[in-house]
Amino acid sequence: VQLQASGGGLVQAGGSLRLSCAASGRTFSSYAKGWFRQGPGKEREFVAAINWSGTSTTYADSVKGRFTISRDNAKNTVYPQMNSLKPEDTAVYYCAAAPAPLVFTRKDEYDYWGQGTLVTVSS
């Protein structure tokens, strides 16, 4: 069972990036999916989450209105679209999956984690 995050890179402030997280080894269509991030010297924090069907989402206040999370269950993939990026968004972004259909915001609610992808936002 693997979650593979990709799409990170260097972007200027105000720019956009679209991350993706592909799952392999099993079908995660009935799982909740989430994204977390860990900035330099900081703890891993919640960013966004989506339920199994894509009908319910929730966001951290710091990204609300700028980030949009979506999923394509046919491709076993979840995408956060990140717009209006700020230098404080610089972090390693991790995707995660929880074996339940609801939306979760706590790290300990997720059983599967990807390896992370680095997003660097320059000012």
N, C-alpha and C. Protein backbone atom coordinates (compact mmCIF):
# COMPACT_ATOMS: atom_id res chain seq x y z
N VAL A 1 0.85 -1.19 0.00
CA VAL A 1 0.00 0.00 0.00
C VAL A 1 0.89 1.24 0.00
N GLN A 2 0.71 2.09 -1.02
CA GLN A 2 1.53 3.28 -1.12
C GLN A 2 0.72 4.49 -1.52
N LEU A 3 1.10 5.63 -0.97
CA LEU A 3 0.58 6.92 -1.41
C LEU A 3 1.77 7.69 -1.96
N GLN A 4 1.65 8.15 -3.20
CA GLN A 4 2.74 8.84 -3.86
C GLN A 4 2.33 10.27 -4.14
N ALA A 5 2.95 11.21 -3.42
CA ALA A 5 2.67 12.62 -3.62
C ALA A 5 3.62 13.20 -4.65
N SER A 6 3.13 14.11 -5.47
CA SER A 6 3.97 14.76 -6.49
C SER A 6 3.42 16.13 -6.79
N GLY A 7 4.18 16.90 -7.57
CA GLY A 7 3.73 18.21 -8.02
C GLY A 7 4.36 19.38 -7.29
N GLY A 8 5.18 19.11 -6.30
CA GLY A 8 5.83 20.20 -5.59
C GLY A 8 6.88 20.88 -6.46
N GLY A 9 7.36 22.02 -5.97
CA GLY A 9 8.39 22.74 -6.70
C GLY A 9 8.54 24.14 -6.17
N LEU A 10 9.25 24.95 -6.94
CA LEU A 10 9.50 26.35 -6.57
C LEU A 10 8.55 27.25 -7.34
N VAL A 11 7.89 28.14 -6.64
CA VAL A 11 6.95 29.06 -7.27
C VAL A 11 7.07 30.41 -6.59
N GLN A 12 6.80 31.47 -7.33
CA GLN A 12 6.83 32.81 -6.76
C GLN A 12 5.55 33.08 -5.98
N ALA A 13 5.63 33.97 -5.03
CA ALA A 13 4.45 34.37 -4.27
C ALA A 13 3.36 34.85 -5.23
N GLY A 14 2.14 34.42 -4.96
CA GLY A 14 1.02 34.74 -5.83
C GLY A 14 0.75 33.70 -6.90
N GLY A 15 1.69 32.78 -7.04
CA GLY A 15 1.54 31.75 -8.06
C GLY A 15 0.69 30.57 -7.59
N SER A 16 0.63 29.55 -8.45
CA SER A 16 -0.22 28.38 -8.18
C SER A 16 0.56 27.10 -8.41
N LEU A 17 0.14 26.08 -7.69
CA LEU A 17 0.65 24.73 -7.89
C LEU A 17 -0.50 23.76 -7.69
N ARG A 18 -0.43 22.64 -8.41
CA ARG A 18 -1.40 21.58 -8.20
C ARG A 18 -0.66 20.31 -7.79
N LEU A 19 -0.87 19.88 -6.58
CA LEU A 19 -0.27 18.65 -6.12
C LEU A 19 -1.19 17.49 -6.45
N SER A 20 -0.63 16.31 -6.43
CA SER A 20 -1.46 15.12 -6.60
C SER A 20 -0.94 14.03 -5.68
N CYS A 21 -1.82 13.11 -5.34
CA CYS A 21 -1.47 11.99 -4.49
C CYS A 21 -2.13 10.76 -5.07
N ALA A 22 -1.31 9.89 -5.63
CA ALA A 22 -1.82 8.66 -6.23
C ALA A 22 -1.65 7.49 -5.28
N ALA A 23 -2.68 6.67 -5.17
CA ALA A 23 -2.63 5.51 -4.28
C ALA A 23 -2.45 4.24 -5.10
N SER A 24 -1.69 3.33 -4.57
CA SER A 24 -1.50 2.04 -5.23
C SER A 24 -1.49 0.94 -4.18
N GLY A 25 -1.77 -0.24 -4.61
CA GLY A 25 -1.76 -1.37 -3.70
C GLY A 25 -3.13 -1.74 -3.18
N ARG A 26 -4.03 -0.77 -3.22
CA ARG A 26 -5.40 -1.05 -2.84
C ARG A 26 -6.27 0.08 -3.35
N THR A 27 -7.57 -0.10 -3.29
CA THR A 27 -8.49 0.94 -3.71
C THR A 27 -8.87 1.80 -2.52
N PHE A 28 -8.65 3.11 -2.65
CA PHE A 28 -8.93 4.04 -1.57
C PHE A 28 -10.20 4.84 -1.83
N SER A 29 -11.05 4.36 -2.72
CA SER A 29 -12.23 5.14 -3.07
C SER A 29 -13.16 5.34 -1.88
N SER A 30 -13.15 4.45 -0.89
CA SER A 30 -14.03 4.60 0.27
C SER A 30 -13.32 5.27 1.45
N TYR A 31 -12.10 5.73 1.23
CA TYR A 31 -11.30 6.33 2.29
C TYR A 31 -11.39 7.84 2.25
N ALA A 32 -11.35 8.46 3.42
CA ALA A 32 -11.15 9.90 3.49
C ALA A 32 -9.69 10.20 3.14
N LYS A 33 -9.47 11.36 2.54
CA LYS A 33 -8.12 11.77 2.16
C LYS A 33 -7.82 13.14 2.77
N GLY A 34 -6.58 13.31 3.13
CA GLY A 34 -6.20 14.59 3.72
C GLY A 34 -4.82 15.02 3.27
N TRP A 35 -4.55 16.29 3.45
CA TRP A 35 -3.23 16.85 3.19
C TRP A 35 -2.77 17.57 4.44
N PHE A 36 -1.51 17.37 4.77
CA PHE A 36 -0.86 18.04 5.89
C PHE A 36 0.42 18.67 5.37
N ARG A 37 1.01 19.55 6.13
CA ARG A 37 2.29 20.13 5.73
C ARG A 37 3.16 20.37 6.96
N GLN A 38 4.45 20.39 6.70
CA GLN A 38 5.41 20.63 7.77
C GLN A 38 6.45 21.62 7.27
N GLY A 39 6.37 22.83 7.81
CA GLY A 39 7.33 23.86 7.44
C GLY A 39 8.60 23.73 8.25
N PRO A 40 9.64 24.48 7.86
CA PRO A 40 10.93 24.42 8.57
C PRO A 40 10.77 24.72 10.05
N GLY A 41 11.18 23.81 10.90
CA GLY A 41 11.12 24.02 12.34
C GLY A 41 9.74 23.99 12.93
N LYS A 42 8.77 23.50 12.16
CA LYS A 42 7.39 23.48 12.65
C LYS A 42 6.87 22.06 12.73
N GLU A 43 5.78 21.89 13.47
CA GLU A 43 5.12 20.61 13.53
C GLU A 43 4.25 20.42 12.28
N ARG A 44 3.95 19.15 12.00
CA ARG A 44 3.07 18.87 10.87
C ARG A 44 1.67 19.36 11.20
N GLU A 45 1.07 20.09 10.24
CA GLU A 45 -0.23 20.68 10.49
C GLU A 45 -1.22 20.31 9.40
N PHE A 46 -2.48 20.33 9.76
CA PHE A 46 -3.56 20.02 8.83
C PHE A 46 -3.70 21.13 7.79
N VAL A 47 -3.98 20.71 6.54
CA VAL A 47 -4.20 21.67 5.46
C VAL A 47 -5.62 21.55 4.91
N ALA A 48 -5.98 20.35 4.45
CA ALA A 48 -7.29 20.16 3.82
C ALA A 48 -7.65 18.68 3.86
N ALA A 49 -8.95 18.41 3.79
CA ALA A 49 -9.42 17.04 3.78
C ALA A 49 -10.68 16.93 2.96
N ILE A 50 -10.94 15.71 2.46
CA ILE A 50 -12.10 15.46 1.63
C ILE A 50 -12.66 14.08 1.97
N ASN A 51 -13.98 13.96 1.95
CA ASN A 51 -14.57 12.67 2.27
C ASN A 51 -14.49 11.73 1.07
N TRP A 52 -15.00 10.52 1.25
CA TRP A 52 -14.80 9.48 0.22
C TRP A 52 -15.43 9.86 -1.11
N SER A 53 -16.56 10.54 -1.08
CA SER A 53 -17.28 10.83 -2.33
C SER A 53 -16.92 12.18 -2.91
N GLY A 54 -16.20 12.99 -2.16
CA GLY A 54 -15.86 14.32 -2.66
C GLY A 54 -16.92 15.36 -2.39
N THR A 55 -17.94 14.99 -1.63
CA THR A 55 -19.05 15.92 -1.38
C THR A 55 -18.85 16.78 -0.15
N SER A 56 -17.84 16.47 0.64
CA SER A 56 -17.57 17.25 1.85
C SER A 56 -16.08 17.52 1.95
N THR A 57 -15.74 18.80 2.18
CA THR A 57 -14.35 19.19 2.31
C THR A 57 -14.20 20.12 3.51
N THR A 58 -13.00 20.21 4.02
CA THR A 58 -12.71 21.17 5.08
C THR A 58 -11.28 21.65 4.93
N TYR A 59 -11.02 22.86 5.38
CA TYR A 59 -9.71 23.49 5.18
C TYR A 59 -9.23 24.16 6.46
N ALA A 60 -7.92 24.24 6.61
CA ALA A 60 -7.35 25.06 7.66
C ALA A 60 -7.65 26.52 7.34
N ASP A 61 -7.82 27.32 8.38
CA ASP A 61 -8.13 28.74 8.16
C ASP A 61 -7.05 29.43 7.32
N SER A 62 -5.82 28.99 7.46
CA SER A 62 -4.71 29.64 6.78
C SER A 62 -4.74 29.45 5.26
N VAL A 63 -5.50 28.46 4.77
CA VAL A 63 -5.53 28.21 3.33
C VAL A 63 -6.92 28.37 2.75
N LYS A 64 -7.90 28.61 3.60
CA LYS A 64 -9.28 28.72 3.13
C LYS A 64 -9.41 29.83 2.11
N GLY A 65 -10.10 29.53 1.01
CA GLY A 65 -10.27 30.51 -0.05
C GLY A 65 -9.14 30.50 -1.07
N ARG A 66 -8.03 29.85 -0.76
CA ARG A 66 -6.90 29.79 -1.69
C ARG A 66 -6.65 28.37 -2.19
N PHE A 67 -6.90 27.38 -1.37
CA PHE A 67 -6.67 25.99 -1.73
C PHE A 67 -8.01 25.30 -1.98
N THR A 68 -8.01 24.38 -2.92
CA THR A 68 -9.20 23.56 -3.20
C THR A 68 -8.77 22.11 -3.33
N ILE A 69 -9.40 21.24 -2.56
CA ILE A 69 -9.08 19.82 -2.62
C ILE A 69 -10.17 19.10 -3.40
N SER A 70 -9.76 18.15 -4.24
CA SER A 70 -10.70 17.37 -5.02
C SER A 70 -10.14 15.95 -5.18
N ARG A 71 -10.95 15.06 -5.68
CA ARG A 71 -10.48 13.69 -5.85
C ARG A 71 -11.12 13.06 -7.07
N ASP A 72 -10.41 12.10 -7.63
CA ASP A 72 -10.89 11.32 -8.75
C ASP A 72 -10.76 9.86 -8.34
N ASN A 73 -11.84 9.27 -7.90
CA ASN A 73 -11.78 7.89 -7.38
C ASN A 73 -11.46 6.87 -8.48
N ALA A 74 -11.83 7.20 -9.71
CA ALA A 74 -11.50 6.29 -10.81
C ALA A 74 -9.99 6.18 -11.00
N LYS A 75 -9.28 7.25 -10.68
CA LYS A 75 -7.82 7.26 -10.80
C LYS A 75 -7.14 7.05 -9.44
N ASN A 76 -7.94 6.88 -8.37
CA ASN A 76 -7.38 6.68 -7.03
C ASN A 76 -6.44 7.82 -6.65
N THR A 77 -6.83 9.03 -6.99
CA THR A 77 -5.95 10.19 -6.82
C THR A 77 -6.71 11.34 -6.19
N VAL A 78 -6.00 12.12 -5.36
CA VAL A 78 -6.57 13.33 -4.75
C VAL A 78 -5.67 14.50 -5.09
N TYR A 79 -6.28 15.66 -5.32
CA TYR A 79 -5.55 16.84 -5.80
C TYR A 79 -5.86 18.05 -4.92
N PRO A 80 -4.85 18.70 -4.40
CA PRO A 80 -5.08 20.03 -3.88
C PRO A 80 -4.58 21.08 -4.87
N GLN A 81 -5.47 21.95 -5.29
CA GLN A 81 -5.10 23.08 -6.13
C GLN A 81 -4.76 24.23 -5.20
N MET A 82 -3.55 24.75 -5.30
CA MET A 82 -3.09 25.78 -4.39
C MET A 82 -2.87 27.07 -5.18
N ASN A 83 -3.66 28.08 -4.88
CA ASN A 83 -3.57 29.38 -5.56
C ASN A 83 -3.13 30.46 -4.58
N SER A 84 -2.72 31.58 -5.13
CA SER A 84 -2.31 32.74 -4.32
C SER A 84 -1.32 32.31 -3.23
N LEU A 85 -0.33 31.57 -3.64
CA LEU A 85 0.63 31.04 -2.67
C LEU A 85 1.43 32.14 -2.00
N LYS A 86 1.75 31.90 -0.74
CA LYS A 86 2.50 32.85 0.08
C LYS A 86 3.79 32.18 0.56
N PRO A 87 4.80 32.96 0.90
CA PRO A 87 6.04 32.36 1.43
C PRO A 87 5.79 31.47 2.64
N GLU A 88 4.79 31.79 3.44
CA GLU A 88 4.50 30.96 4.62
C GLU A 88 3.87 29.62 4.27
N ASP A 89 3.53 29.42 3.00
CA ASP A 89 3.05 28.11 2.56
C ASP A 89 4.20 27.15 2.28
N THR A 90 5.43 27.64 2.33
CA THR A 90 6.59 26.80 2.11
C THR A 90 6.63 25.67 3.13
N ALA A 91 6.66 24.43 2.63
CA ALA A 91 6.62 23.27 3.51
C ALA A 91 6.74 22.01 2.68
N VAL A 92 6.95 20.90 3.38
CA VAL A 92 6.78 19.60 2.75
C VAL A 92 5.32 19.21 2.94
N TYR A 93 4.67 18.88 1.85
CA TYR A 93 3.26 18.54 1.88
C TYR A 93 3.09 17.02 1.82
N TYR A 94 2.27 16.50 2.72
CA TYR A 94 2.04 15.06 2.84
C TYR A 94 0.57 14.75 2.59
N CYS A 95 0.32 13.68 1.82
CA CYS A 95 -1.05 13.21 1.69
C CYS A 95 -1.25 12.03 2.63
N ALA A 96 -2.49 11.81 3.01
CA ALA A 96 -2.81 10.75 3.95
C ALA A 96 -4.19 10.19 3.64
N ALA A 97 -4.42 8.95 4.09
CA ALA A 97 -5.70 8.30 3.87
C ALA A 97 -6.20 7.67 5.16
N ALA A 98 -7.49 7.80 5.39
CA ALA A 98 -8.12 7.24 6.59
C ALA A 98 -9.21 6.26 6.16
N PRO A 99 -9.25 5.09 6.81
CA PRO A 99 -10.21 4.06 6.40
C PRO A 99 -11.62 4.33 6.91
N ALA A 100 -12.16 5.44 6.52
CA ALA A 100 -13.52 5.81 6.93
C ALA A 100 -14.02 6.85 5.93
N PRO A 101 -15.32 6.97 5.76
CA PRO A 101 -15.84 7.85 4.71
C PRO A 101 -15.95 9.32 5.10
N LEU A 102 -15.65 9.67 6.35
CA LEU A 102 -15.87 11.04 6.81
C LEU A 102 -14.66 11.93 6.53
N VAL A 103 -14.74 13.18 6.98
CA VAL A 103 -13.65 14.13 6.85
C VAL A 103 -12.92 14.21 8.19
N PHE A 104 -11.59 14.11 8.17
CA PHE A 104 -10.79 14.14 9.39
C PHE A 104 -9.73 15.22 9.32
N THR A 105 -9.44 15.83 10.46
CA THR A 105 -8.45 16.89 10.49
C THR A 105 -7.25 16.59 11.38
N ARG A 106 -7.29 15.51 12.12
CA ARG A 106 -6.19 15.17 13.05
C ARG A 106 -5.27 14.13 12.43
N LYS A 107 -3.97 14.28 12.70
CA LYS A 107 -2.98 13.35 12.15
C LYS A 107 -3.26 11.92 12.60
N ASP A 108 -3.68 11.74 13.85
CA ASP A 108 -3.84 10.40 14.37
C ASP A 108 -5.06 9.68 13.82
N GLU A 109 -5.85 10.37 13.00
CA GLU A 109 -7.01 9.74 12.38
C GLU A 109 -6.67 9.07 11.05
N TYR A 110 -5.45 9.30 10.58
CA TYR A 110 -5.02 8.78 9.29
C TYR A 110 -4.06 7.61 9.47
N ASP A 111 -4.30 6.55 8.70
CA ASP A 111 -3.50 5.33 8.81
C ASP A 111 -2.39 5.24 7.77
N TYR A 112 -2.57 5.87 6.63
CA TYR A 112 -1.61 5.76 5.53
C TYR A 112 -1.08 7.14 5.16
N TRP A 113 0.23 7.20 4.92
CA TRP A 113 0.89 8.46 4.62
C TRP A 113 1.81 8.32 3.41
N GLY A 114 1.83 9.38 2.59
CA GLY A 114 2.78 9.45 1.49
C GLY A 114 4.11 10.00 1.98
N GLN A 115 5.08 10.07 1.07
CA GLN A 115 6.44 10.46 1.44
C GLN A 115 6.65 11.96 1.49
N GLY A 116 5.74 12.75 0.98
CA GLY A 116 5.87 14.19 1.02
C GLY A 116 6.47 14.77 -0.25
N THR A 117 6.05 15.97 -0.59
CA THR A 117 6.59 16.71 -1.73
C THR A 117 6.83 18.14 -1.28
N LEU A 118 7.98 18.69 -1.65
CA LEU A 118 8.40 20.01 -1.16
C LEU A 118 7.82 21.11 -2.02
N VAL A 119 7.20 22.07 -1.36
CA VAL A 119 6.71 23.29 -2.01
C VAL A 119 7.49 24.46 -1.42
N THR A 120 8.12 25.23 -2.30
CA THR A 120 8.87 26.40 -1.87
C THR A 120 8.29 27.62 -2.56
N VAL A 121 7.87 28.60 -1.77
CA VAL A 121 7.29 29.82 -2.31
C VAL A 121 8.25 30.97 -2.03
N SER A 122 8.75 31.59 -3.09
CA SER A 122 9.70 32.68 -2.94
C SER A 122 8.96 34.01 -2.93
N SER A 123 9.51 34.96 -2.19
CA SER A 123 8.87 36.29 -2.08
C SER A 123 9.37 37.22 -3.16
